[in-house]
N, C-alpha and C. Protein backbone atom coordinates (compact mmCIF):
# COMPACT_ATOMS: atom_id res chain seq x y z
N GLY A 1 10.84 18.81 0.21
CA GLY A 1 11.83 19.44 1.02
C GLY A 1 13.03 18.60 1.34
N PHE A 2 13.06 17.34 0.83
CA PHE A 2 14.19 16.44 1.08
C PHE A 2 15.31 16.75 0.13
N GLN A 3 16.54 16.66 0.62
CA GLN A 3 17.72 16.89 -0.17
C GLN A 3 18.37 15.61 -0.70
N ALA A 4 18.09 14.51 0.01
CA ALA A 4 18.66 13.23 -0.38
C ALA A 4 17.76 12.08 0.11
N PHE A 5 17.96 10.93 -0.49
CA PHE A 5 17.22 9.76 -0.05
C PHE A 5 17.87 9.15 1.18
N ARG A 6 17.09 8.50 1.99
CA ARG A 6 17.62 7.73 3.06
C ARG A 6 18.04 6.38 2.47
N PRO A 7 18.83 5.58 3.21
CA PRO A 7 19.27 4.29 2.67
C PRO A 7 18.10 3.47 2.14
N ASN A 8 18.28 2.89 0.96
CA ASN A 8 17.34 1.96 0.31
C ASN A 8 16.15 2.62 -0.37
N GLN A 9 15.83 3.87 -0.04
CA GLN A 9 14.66 4.47 -0.66
C GLN A 9 14.76 4.58 -2.16
N GLU A 10 15.91 5.04 -2.67
CA GLU A 10 16.01 5.23 -4.12
C GLU A 10 15.84 3.94 -4.88
N GLY A 11 16.43 2.82 -4.38
CA GLY A 11 16.31 1.54 -5.04
C GLY A 11 14.87 1.07 -5.04
N ILE A 12 14.17 1.19 -3.97
CA ILE A 12 12.78 0.78 -3.86
C ILE A 12 11.94 1.62 -4.81
N ILE A 13 12.13 2.91 -4.80
CA ILE A 13 11.34 3.79 -5.68
C ILE A 13 11.60 3.43 -7.13
N GLY A 14 12.87 3.22 -7.45
CA GLY A 14 13.23 2.82 -8.84
C GLY A 14 12.55 1.56 -9.28
N SER A 15 12.50 0.54 -8.39
CA SER A 15 11.85 -0.70 -8.74
C SER A 15 10.34 -0.48 -8.96
N ILE A 16 9.72 0.28 -8.08
CA ILE A 16 8.33 0.60 -8.27
C ILE A 16 8.05 1.31 -9.59
N MET A 17 8.90 2.28 -9.87
CA MET A 17 8.72 3.05 -11.13
C MET A 17 8.92 2.15 -12.34
N ASN A 18 9.73 1.07 -12.21
CA ASN A 18 9.91 0.05 -13.26
C ASN A 18 8.85 -1.01 -13.21
N ARG A 19 7.83 -0.79 -12.37
CA ARG A 19 6.67 -1.69 -12.27
C ARG A 19 7.01 -3.09 -11.76
N GLN A 20 8.01 -3.13 -10.85
CA GLN A 20 8.42 -4.41 -10.23
C GLN A 20 7.87 -4.48 -8.82
N ASP A 21 7.46 -5.66 -8.42
CA ASP A 21 7.05 -5.87 -7.03
C ASP A 21 8.24 -5.71 -6.12
N VAL A 22 7.97 -5.31 -4.87
CA VAL A 22 9.00 -5.04 -3.87
C VAL A 22 8.59 -5.65 -2.55
N PHE A 23 9.55 -6.23 -1.82
CA PHE A 23 9.34 -6.58 -0.43
C PHE A 23 10.47 -5.85 0.35
N ALA A 24 10.09 -5.02 1.30
CA ALA A 24 11.04 -4.24 2.01
C ALA A 24 10.88 -4.36 3.50
N VAL A 25 11.98 -4.65 4.22
CA VAL A 25 12.03 -4.61 5.68
C VAL A 25 12.84 -3.38 6.00
N MET A 26 12.14 -2.37 6.56
CA MET A 26 12.77 -1.13 6.95
C MET A 26 12.33 -0.74 8.35
N PRO A 27 13.26 -0.25 9.17
CA PRO A 27 12.89 0.07 10.56
C PRO A 27 11.87 1.20 10.61
N THR A 28 11.14 1.23 11.72
CA THR A 28 10.22 2.34 11.96
C THR A 28 11.01 3.65 11.89
N GLY A 29 10.50 4.60 11.14
CA GLY A 29 11.20 5.87 10.95
C GLY A 29 12.19 5.84 9.84
N GLY A 30 12.26 4.69 9.10
CA GLY A 30 13.27 4.55 8.04
C GLY A 30 12.85 5.12 6.69
N GLY A 31 11.62 5.65 6.61
CA GLY A 31 11.25 6.33 5.38
C GLY A 31 10.41 5.46 4.46
N LYS A 32 9.66 4.50 4.97
CA LYS A 32 8.84 3.63 4.10
C LYS A 32 7.78 4.44 3.36
N SER A 33 7.17 5.41 3.97
CA SER A 33 6.07 6.16 3.31
C SER A 33 6.50 6.85 2.06
N LEU A 34 7.68 7.44 2.04
CA LEU A 34 8.18 8.09 0.83
C LEU A 34 8.34 7.11 -0.35
N CYS A 35 8.59 5.87 0.00
CA CYS A 35 8.84 4.84 -1.03
C CYS A 35 7.60 4.56 -1.87
N TYR A 36 6.41 4.86 -1.32
CA TYR A 36 5.19 4.74 -2.16
C TYR A 36 4.54 6.10 -2.45
N GLN A 37 4.82 7.08 -1.63
CA GLN A 37 4.21 8.40 -1.88
C GLN A 37 4.82 9.12 -3.10
N LEU A 38 6.13 8.99 -3.26
CA LEU A 38 6.81 9.63 -4.38
C LEU A 38 6.40 8.96 -5.70
N PRO A 39 6.39 7.63 -5.83
CA PRO A 39 5.89 7.01 -7.02
C PRO A 39 4.39 7.40 -7.28
N ALA A 40 3.60 7.47 -6.24
CA ALA A 40 2.22 7.85 -6.39
C ALA A 40 2.06 9.20 -7.11
N MET A 41 2.98 10.11 -6.78
CA MET A 41 2.92 11.45 -7.42
C MET A 41 3.46 11.38 -8.89
N MET A 42 4.31 10.49 -9.15
CA MET A 42 4.96 10.43 -10.50
C MET A 42 4.24 9.51 -11.50
N MET A 43 3.43 8.57 -10.99
CA MET A 43 2.81 7.61 -11.88
C MET A 43 1.34 8.02 -12.10
N GLU A 44 0.78 7.58 -13.27
CA GLU A 44 -0.61 7.81 -13.59
C GLU A 44 -1.47 6.90 -12.76
N GLY A 45 -2.59 7.47 -12.25
CA GLY A 45 -3.55 6.68 -11.47
C GLY A 45 -3.36 6.85 -9.98
N ALA A 46 -4.11 6.06 -9.24
CA ALA A 46 -4.11 6.14 -7.78
C ALA A 46 -3.24 5.03 -7.19
N THR A 47 -2.60 5.35 -6.09
CA THR A 47 -1.93 4.35 -5.28
C THR A 47 -2.84 3.96 -4.15
N VAL A 48 -3.03 2.64 -3.97
CA VAL A 48 -3.85 2.13 -2.92
C VAL A 48 -2.92 1.62 -1.82
N VAL A 49 -3.06 2.19 -0.64
CA VAL A 49 -2.22 1.81 0.50
C VAL A 49 -3.09 1.03 1.51
N ILE A 50 -2.67 -0.19 1.79
CA ILE A 50 -3.37 -0.99 2.70
C ILE A 50 -2.68 -0.93 4.07
N SER A 51 -3.46 -0.54 5.08
CA SER A 51 -2.92 -0.27 6.41
C SER A 51 -3.91 -0.80 7.42
N PRO A 52 -3.41 -1.42 8.51
CA PRO A 52 -4.37 -1.98 9.51
C PRO A 52 -4.84 -1.02 10.54
N LEU A 53 -4.29 0.18 10.59
CA LEU A 53 -4.58 1.11 11.70
C LEU A 53 -5.28 2.39 11.24
N ILE A 54 -6.49 2.61 11.76
CA ILE A 54 -7.27 3.77 11.40
C ILE A 54 -6.53 5.06 11.75
N SER A 55 -5.96 5.14 12.90
CA SER A 55 -5.25 6.36 13.31
C SER A 55 -4.06 6.68 12.40
N LEU A 56 -3.36 5.60 11.98
CA LEU A 56 -2.22 5.81 11.06
C LEU A 56 -2.72 6.31 9.73
N MET A 57 -3.81 5.78 9.24
CA MET A 57 -4.40 6.25 7.97
C MET A 57 -4.68 7.75 8.03
N LYS A 58 -5.31 8.15 9.11
CA LYS A 58 -5.68 9.57 9.26
C LYS A 58 -4.46 10.46 9.29
N ASP A 59 -3.44 10.02 10.09
CA ASP A 59 -2.21 10.79 10.14
C ASP A 59 -1.55 10.91 8.76
N GLN A 60 -1.49 9.79 8.03
CA GLN A 60 -0.87 9.79 6.70
C GLN A 60 -1.63 10.69 5.73
N VAL A 61 -2.96 10.62 5.75
CA VAL A 61 -3.76 11.43 4.84
C VAL A 61 -3.60 12.92 5.24
N ASP A 62 -3.63 13.22 6.49
CA ASP A 62 -3.44 14.61 6.90
C ASP A 62 -2.09 15.16 6.43
N ALA A 63 -1.05 14.34 6.57
CA ALA A 63 0.30 14.79 6.16
C ALA A 63 0.36 14.94 4.64
N ALA A 64 -0.24 14.03 3.89
CA ALA A 64 -0.28 14.12 2.43
C ALA A 64 -0.97 15.38 2.00
N LEU A 65 -2.14 15.65 2.61
CA LEU A 65 -2.90 16.80 2.22
C LEU A 65 -2.15 18.11 2.52
N GLU A 66 -1.41 18.10 3.66
CA GLU A 66 -0.59 19.26 3.99
C GLU A 66 0.48 19.53 2.89
N ASN A 67 0.94 18.44 2.28
CA ASN A 67 2.00 18.55 1.23
C ASN A 67 1.39 18.66 -0.18
N GLY A 68 0.05 18.88 -0.27
CA GLY A 68 -0.54 19.10 -1.56
C GLY A 68 -0.84 17.81 -2.35
N ILE A 69 -0.83 16.68 -1.68
CA ILE A 69 -1.12 15.40 -2.35
C ILE A 69 -2.59 15.08 -2.09
N THR A 70 -3.32 14.81 -3.13
CA THR A 70 -4.74 14.44 -2.95
C THR A 70 -4.76 13.06 -2.38
N ALA A 71 -5.34 12.94 -1.21
CA ALA A 71 -5.36 11.70 -0.45
C ALA A 71 -6.67 11.53 0.31
N ALA A 72 -7.06 10.28 0.56
CA ALA A 72 -8.23 10.00 1.34
C ALA A 72 -8.06 8.66 1.96
N PHE A 73 -8.92 8.37 2.94
CA PHE A 73 -8.97 7.03 3.52
C PHE A 73 -10.41 6.57 3.51
N MET A 74 -10.52 5.24 3.54
CA MET A 74 -11.86 4.63 3.56
C MET A 74 -11.76 3.56 4.62
N ASN A 75 -12.53 3.75 5.74
CA ASN A 75 -12.54 2.78 6.80
C ASN A 75 -13.82 2.92 7.62
N SER A 76 -13.93 2.22 8.68
CA SER A 76 -15.15 2.17 9.47
C SER A 76 -15.44 3.45 10.25
N SER A 77 -14.51 4.39 10.26
CA SER A 77 -14.74 5.61 10.97
C SER A 77 -15.59 6.60 10.12
N LEU A 78 -15.79 6.26 8.82
CA LEU A 78 -16.56 7.16 7.94
C LEU A 78 -18.03 6.72 7.92
N ASN A 79 -18.91 7.72 7.74
CA ASN A 79 -20.33 7.37 7.52
C ASN A 79 -20.55 7.07 6.07
N SER A 80 -21.76 6.64 5.73
CA SER A 80 -22.04 6.19 4.36
C SER A 80 -21.90 7.32 3.33
N GLN A 81 -22.26 8.56 3.70
CA GLN A 81 -22.08 9.69 2.79
C GLN A 81 -20.57 9.97 2.52
N GLU A 82 -19.76 9.90 3.55
CA GLU A 82 -18.32 10.10 3.41
C GLU A 82 -17.72 9.03 2.53
N ILE A 83 -18.12 7.79 2.73
CA ILE A 83 -17.62 6.71 1.86
C ILE A 83 -18.07 6.92 0.40
N ALA A 84 -19.27 7.31 0.22
CA ALA A 84 -19.80 7.58 -1.15
C ALA A 84 -18.94 8.69 -1.80
N ASP A 85 -18.54 9.70 -1.01
CA ASP A 85 -17.73 10.79 -1.55
C ASP A 85 -16.34 10.25 -1.97
N VAL A 86 -15.76 9.37 -1.18
CA VAL A 86 -14.46 8.81 -1.53
C VAL A 86 -14.62 7.97 -2.80
N TYR A 87 -15.65 7.20 -2.91
CA TYR A 87 -15.91 6.42 -4.13
C TYR A 87 -16.01 7.35 -5.35
N ARG A 88 -16.76 8.45 -5.20
CA ARG A 88 -16.90 9.39 -6.32
C ARG A 88 -15.55 9.98 -6.68
N ARG A 89 -14.77 10.40 -5.70
CA ARG A 89 -13.45 10.99 -5.99
C ARG A 89 -12.52 10.01 -6.67
N ILE A 90 -12.54 8.73 -6.23
CA ILE A 90 -11.63 7.78 -6.86
C ILE A 90 -12.07 7.49 -8.29
N LYS A 91 -13.37 7.43 -8.54
CA LYS A 91 -13.89 7.15 -9.90
C LYS A 91 -13.50 8.26 -10.88
N TYR A 92 -13.40 9.49 -10.35
CA TYR A 92 -13.05 10.63 -11.23
C TYR A 92 -11.59 11.01 -11.13
N ASN A 93 -10.80 10.05 -10.67
CA ASN A 93 -9.32 10.30 -10.63
C ASN A 93 -8.90 11.53 -9.84
N LYS A 94 -9.60 11.76 -8.71
CA LYS A 94 -9.32 12.95 -7.88
C LYS A 94 -8.53 12.57 -6.64
N ILE A 95 -8.02 11.33 -6.58
CA ILE A 95 -7.23 10.86 -5.42
C ILE A 95 -5.96 10.19 -5.94
N LYS A 96 -4.83 10.63 -5.39
CA LYS A 96 -3.54 9.96 -5.73
C LYS A 96 -3.17 8.91 -4.72
N LEU A 97 -3.59 9.09 -3.45
CA LEU A 97 -3.31 8.12 -2.42
C LEU A 97 -4.59 7.73 -1.69
N LEU A 98 -4.96 6.49 -1.75
CA LEU A 98 -6.13 5.97 -1.07
C LEU A 98 -5.71 4.97 -0.01
N TYR A 99 -5.97 5.28 1.24
CA TYR A 99 -5.65 4.40 2.34
C TYR A 99 -6.86 3.60 2.74
N ILE A 100 -6.70 2.28 2.82
CA ILE A 100 -7.83 1.41 3.17
C ILE A 100 -7.33 0.34 4.15
N ALA A 101 -8.29 -0.26 4.82
CA ALA A 101 -8.00 -1.45 5.64
C ALA A 101 -8.11 -2.68 4.80
N PRO A 102 -7.41 -3.77 5.17
CA PRO A 102 -7.41 -4.99 4.34
C PRO A 102 -8.87 -5.55 4.18
N GLU A 103 -9.70 -5.35 5.17
CA GLU A 103 -11.07 -5.89 5.13
C GLU A 103 -11.85 -5.36 3.92
N ARG A 104 -11.45 -4.24 3.39
CA ARG A 104 -12.14 -3.62 2.25
C ARG A 104 -12.09 -4.54 1.01
N PHE A 105 -11.06 -5.39 0.95
CA PHE A 105 -10.95 -6.30 -0.25
C PHE A 105 -11.96 -7.44 -0.24
N ASP A 106 -12.65 -7.59 0.89
CA ASP A 106 -13.74 -8.58 0.92
C ASP A 106 -15.04 -7.99 0.45
N MET A 107 -15.03 -6.70 0.07
CA MET A 107 -16.23 -6.04 -0.38
C MET A 107 -16.24 -5.97 -1.90
N THR A 108 -17.22 -6.66 -2.50
CA THR A 108 -17.28 -6.76 -3.96
C THR A 108 -17.35 -5.40 -4.60
N HIS A 109 -18.13 -4.47 -4.08
CA HIS A 109 -18.29 -3.15 -4.68
C HIS A 109 -16.98 -2.41 -4.73
N PHE A 110 -16.17 -2.54 -3.69
CA PHE A 110 -14.86 -1.88 -3.66
C PHE A 110 -13.98 -2.40 -4.77
N LEU A 111 -13.88 -3.71 -4.88
CA LEU A 111 -13.03 -4.32 -5.87
C LEU A 111 -13.48 -3.97 -7.29
N GLU A 112 -14.78 -3.99 -7.53
CA GLU A 112 -15.32 -3.62 -8.87
C GLU A 112 -14.98 -2.17 -9.17
N THR A 113 -15.06 -1.30 -8.17
CA THR A 113 -14.71 0.10 -8.37
C THR A 113 -13.26 0.23 -8.77
N LEU A 114 -12.38 -0.49 -8.09
CA LEU A 114 -10.96 -0.41 -8.42
C LEU A 114 -10.70 -0.89 -9.82
N LYS A 115 -11.39 -1.91 -10.25
CA LYS A 115 -11.22 -2.45 -11.63
C LYS A 115 -11.54 -1.40 -12.70
N GLY A 116 -12.38 -0.41 -12.32
CA GLY A 116 -12.78 0.60 -13.31
C GLY A 116 -12.01 1.89 -13.27
N VAL A 117 -10.94 1.94 -12.46
CA VAL A 117 -10.13 3.15 -12.38
C VAL A 117 -8.63 2.80 -12.65
N SER A 118 -7.87 3.80 -12.89
CA SER A 118 -6.41 3.60 -13.09
C SER A 118 -5.70 3.48 -11.76
N ILE A 119 -5.06 2.33 -11.54
CA ILE A 119 -4.33 2.09 -10.32
C ILE A 119 -2.86 2.01 -10.67
N SER A 120 -2.03 2.81 -9.98
CA SER A 120 -0.57 2.80 -10.29
C SER A 120 0.21 1.82 -9.41
N LEU A 121 -0.26 1.60 -8.17
CA LEU A 121 0.51 0.80 -7.23
C LEU A 121 -0.39 0.36 -6.07
N PHE A 122 -0.10 -0.85 -5.57
CA PHE A 122 -0.65 -1.26 -4.30
C PHE A 122 0.51 -1.32 -3.30
N ALA A 123 0.41 -0.60 -2.21
CA ALA A 123 1.39 -0.60 -1.13
C ALA A 123 0.75 -1.22 0.08
N ILE A 124 1.40 -2.28 0.56
CA ILE A 124 0.88 -3.00 1.72
C ILE A 124 1.79 -2.70 2.89
N ASP A 125 1.23 -1.92 3.82
CA ASP A 125 2.00 -1.53 5.03
C ASP A 125 1.75 -2.60 6.09
N GLU A 126 2.70 -2.72 7.00
CA GLU A 126 2.59 -3.73 8.08
C GLU A 126 2.34 -5.11 7.48
N ALA A 127 3.11 -5.44 6.45
CA ALA A 127 2.90 -6.69 5.69
C ALA A 127 3.14 -7.93 6.53
N HIS A 128 3.82 -7.82 7.67
CA HIS A 128 3.99 -8.99 8.52
C HIS A 128 2.66 -9.54 9.02
N CYS A 129 1.59 -8.73 8.93
CA CYS A 129 0.27 -9.17 9.37
C CYS A 129 -0.28 -10.30 8.52
N VAL A 130 0.26 -10.53 7.33
CA VAL A 130 -0.20 -11.59 6.46
C VAL A 130 0.40 -12.98 6.88
N SER A 131 1.46 -12.93 7.66
CA SER A 131 2.19 -14.18 7.95
C SER A 131 1.71 -14.82 9.25
N GLU A 132 1.37 -16.08 9.16
CA GLU A 132 1.03 -16.85 10.34
C GLU A 132 2.24 -16.97 11.32
N TRP A 133 3.45 -16.74 10.80
CA TRP A 133 4.64 -16.81 11.62
C TRP A 133 5.01 -15.44 12.18
N GLY A 134 4.29 -14.42 11.77
CA GLY A 134 4.62 -13.04 12.25
C GLY A 134 4.00 -12.83 13.62
N HIS A 135 4.35 -11.70 14.21
CA HIS A 135 3.88 -11.41 15.58
C HIS A 135 2.50 -10.78 15.63
N ASP A 136 1.90 -10.50 14.50
CA ASP A 136 0.62 -9.76 14.49
C ASP A 136 -0.24 -10.28 13.36
N PHE A 137 -0.42 -11.59 13.26
CA PHE A 137 -1.19 -12.19 12.19
C PHE A 137 -2.65 -11.68 12.17
N ARG A 138 -3.09 -11.26 10.99
CA ARG A 138 -4.50 -10.80 10.82
C ARG A 138 -5.06 -11.50 9.61
N PRO A 139 -6.02 -12.39 9.82
CA PRO A 139 -6.58 -13.15 8.72
C PRO A 139 -7.06 -12.33 7.56
N ASP A 140 -7.54 -11.10 7.80
CA ASP A 140 -8.02 -10.26 6.69
C ASP A 140 -6.93 -9.95 5.70
N TYR A 141 -5.68 -9.98 6.08
CA TYR A 141 -4.60 -9.72 5.16
C TYR A 141 -4.52 -10.81 4.08
N LEU A 142 -5.00 -12.01 4.38
CA LEU A 142 -4.92 -13.09 3.41
C LEU A 142 -5.72 -12.77 2.16
N SER A 143 -6.75 -11.95 2.26
CA SER A 143 -7.56 -11.58 1.10
C SER A 143 -6.76 -10.75 0.06
N LEU A 144 -5.61 -10.21 0.51
CA LEU A 144 -4.80 -9.39 -0.38
C LEU A 144 -4.13 -10.18 -1.49
N SER A 145 -4.15 -11.49 -1.35
CA SER A 145 -3.51 -12.36 -2.40
C SER A 145 -4.25 -12.20 -3.77
N ILE A 146 -5.43 -11.62 -3.78
CA ILE A 146 -6.15 -11.46 -5.04
C ILE A 146 -5.57 -10.27 -5.82
N ILE A 147 -4.78 -9.42 -5.20
CA ILE A 147 -4.33 -8.23 -5.89
C ILE A 147 -3.49 -8.59 -7.14
N PRO A 148 -2.44 -9.38 -7.08
CA PRO A 148 -1.66 -9.64 -8.27
C PRO A 148 -2.44 -10.37 -9.34
N LYS A 149 -3.39 -11.18 -8.94
CA LYS A 149 -4.23 -11.92 -9.91
C LYS A 149 -5.21 -10.98 -10.59
N THR A 150 -5.83 -10.07 -9.86
CA THR A 150 -6.84 -9.16 -10.37
C THR A 150 -6.25 -8.01 -11.12
N PHE A 151 -5.06 -7.57 -10.68
CA PHE A 151 -4.37 -6.40 -11.27
C PHE A 151 -2.96 -6.82 -11.71
N PRO A 152 -2.88 -7.72 -12.72
CA PRO A 152 -1.54 -8.28 -13.07
C PRO A 152 -0.50 -7.26 -13.56
N ASP A 153 -0.92 -6.11 -14.01
CA ASP A 153 0.03 -5.09 -14.51
C ASP A 153 0.38 -4.03 -13.50
N VAL A 154 -0.14 -4.17 -12.29
CA VAL A 154 0.10 -3.18 -11.27
C VAL A 154 1.12 -3.69 -10.26
N PRO A 155 2.20 -2.99 -9.99
CA PRO A 155 3.16 -3.45 -8.99
C PRO A 155 2.60 -3.45 -7.59
N VAL A 156 3.12 -4.35 -6.78
CA VAL A 156 2.74 -4.49 -5.35
C VAL A 156 4.02 -4.33 -4.53
N ALA A 157 3.97 -3.41 -3.58
CA ALA A 157 5.09 -3.19 -2.67
C ALA A 157 4.63 -3.53 -1.26
N ALA A 158 5.32 -4.43 -0.62
CA ALA A 158 4.98 -4.87 0.73
C ALA A 158 6.05 -4.36 1.68
N PHE A 159 5.65 -3.67 2.75
CA PHE A 159 6.57 -3.07 3.70
C PHE A 159 6.31 -3.56 5.10
N THR A 160 7.37 -3.79 5.87
CA THR A 160 7.25 -4.13 7.26
C THR A 160 8.52 -3.68 7.96
N ALA A 161 8.40 -3.43 9.25
CA ALA A 161 9.55 -3.06 10.06
C ALA A 161 10.29 -4.26 10.59
N THR A 162 9.66 -5.42 10.56
CA THR A 162 10.26 -6.57 11.12
C THR A 162 9.83 -7.84 10.39
N ALA A 163 10.76 -8.72 10.02
CA ALA A 163 10.42 -10.00 9.42
C ALA A 163 11.62 -10.92 9.41
N THR A 164 11.54 -12.05 10.00
CA THR A 164 12.59 -13.06 9.88
C THR A 164 12.56 -13.54 8.40
N ARG A 165 13.56 -14.35 8.05
CA ARG A 165 13.57 -14.91 6.66
C ARG A 165 12.35 -15.78 6.42
N LYS A 166 11.93 -16.48 7.44
CA LYS A 166 10.77 -17.37 7.35
C LYS A 166 9.52 -16.54 7.14
N VAL A 167 9.36 -15.46 7.87
CA VAL A 167 8.21 -14.55 7.70
C VAL A 167 8.24 -13.91 6.35
N GLN A 168 9.43 -13.52 5.88
CA GLN A 168 9.60 -12.90 4.58
C GLN A 168 9.10 -13.85 3.50
N GLU A 169 9.54 -15.11 3.53
CA GLU A 169 9.10 -16.10 2.53
C GLU A 169 7.61 -16.29 2.61
N ASP A 170 7.08 -16.32 3.80
CA ASP A 170 5.65 -16.54 3.97
C ASP A 170 4.85 -15.35 3.36
N ILE A 171 5.32 -14.15 3.62
CA ILE A 171 4.64 -12.93 3.09
C ILE A 171 4.65 -12.93 1.55
N ILE A 172 5.85 -13.15 0.98
CA ILE A 172 6.00 -13.13 -0.45
C ILE A 172 5.08 -14.20 -1.09
N GLY A 173 5.06 -15.39 -0.48
CA GLY A 173 4.19 -16.43 -1.03
C GLY A 173 2.73 -16.16 -0.86
N LYS A 174 2.33 -15.75 0.29
CA LYS A 174 0.87 -15.52 0.56
C LYS A 174 0.34 -14.34 -0.26
N LEU A 175 1.16 -13.32 -0.49
CA LEU A 175 0.71 -12.19 -1.29
C LEU A 175 0.81 -12.44 -2.78
N GLY A 176 1.58 -13.47 -3.15
CA GLY A 176 1.76 -13.75 -4.58
C GLY A 176 2.65 -12.74 -5.28
N LEU A 177 3.62 -12.18 -4.53
CA LEU A 177 4.54 -11.20 -5.16
C LEU A 177 5.30 -11.90 -6.27
N ARG A 178 5.49 -11.16 -7.38
CA ARG A 178 6.07 -11.71 -8.58
C ARG A 178 7.53 -11.26 -8.70
N SER A 179 8.45 -12.16 -8.41
CA SER A 179 9.88 -11.91 -8.51
C SER A 179 10.25 -10.52 -7.84
N PRO A 180 9.88 -10.34 -6.62
CA PRO A 180 10.07 -9.01 -6.00
C PRO A 180 11.54 -8.67 -5.77
N GLN A 181 11.82 -7.34 -5.85
CA GLN A 181 13.09 -6.88 -5.35
C GLN A 181 12.99 -6.97 -3.83
N ILE A 182 13.97 -7.58 -3.18
CA ILE A 182 13.93 -7.71 -1.74
C ILE A 182 14.95 -6.81 -1.10
N ILE A 183 14.49 -5.97 -0.20
CA ILE A 183 15.36 -5.03 0.52
C ILE A 183 15.22 -5.34 2.00
N ARG A 184 16.36 -5.61 2.65
CA ARG A 184 16.37 -5.83 4.08
C ARG A 184 17.32 -4.80 4.73
N ALA A 185 16.67 -3.70 5.21
CA ALA A 185 17.47 -2.64 5.78
C ALA A 185 17.82 -2.94 7.26
N SER A 186 17.07 -3.88 7.84
CA SER A 186 17.34 -4.18 9.23
C SER A 186 17.02 -5.66 9.47
């Protein structure tokens, strides 16, 4: 239903579609979600979105499903049967957007499952959480550095609403982003 892109969205989407890593600082409400949701719909495979907030995951999945996008989340709010269902759906390419918490990358079974399916993009939301210099450091985000090593042909897009230049450099280094396009909207 959108008629035009918001500032910076088209450039970010273009970079992702060209399989380039991206680091983007965009204000809350600036349209970060579209920057990974649109490529998810256009690219083969699933987009894995890493988010620290269970409530945000649920809201994003509900909104995606309302718009006809096959989406799911996997976090501690699900029981073992629900998690098994998400694993089954991802294995059979029935999910375009999979929202997970960073802690999931410490689980061998999860990583092995991802290696066996087509992944189009890793989108890291609230990327400032990876930086020791950020305002909301979460050690579990450090495990995300395995993504570019384990999935060298899959682009990684890191998004945050706030990051000083020092935090930006720390995030890019800790995540191992490969020559990312850098967008600073604010």
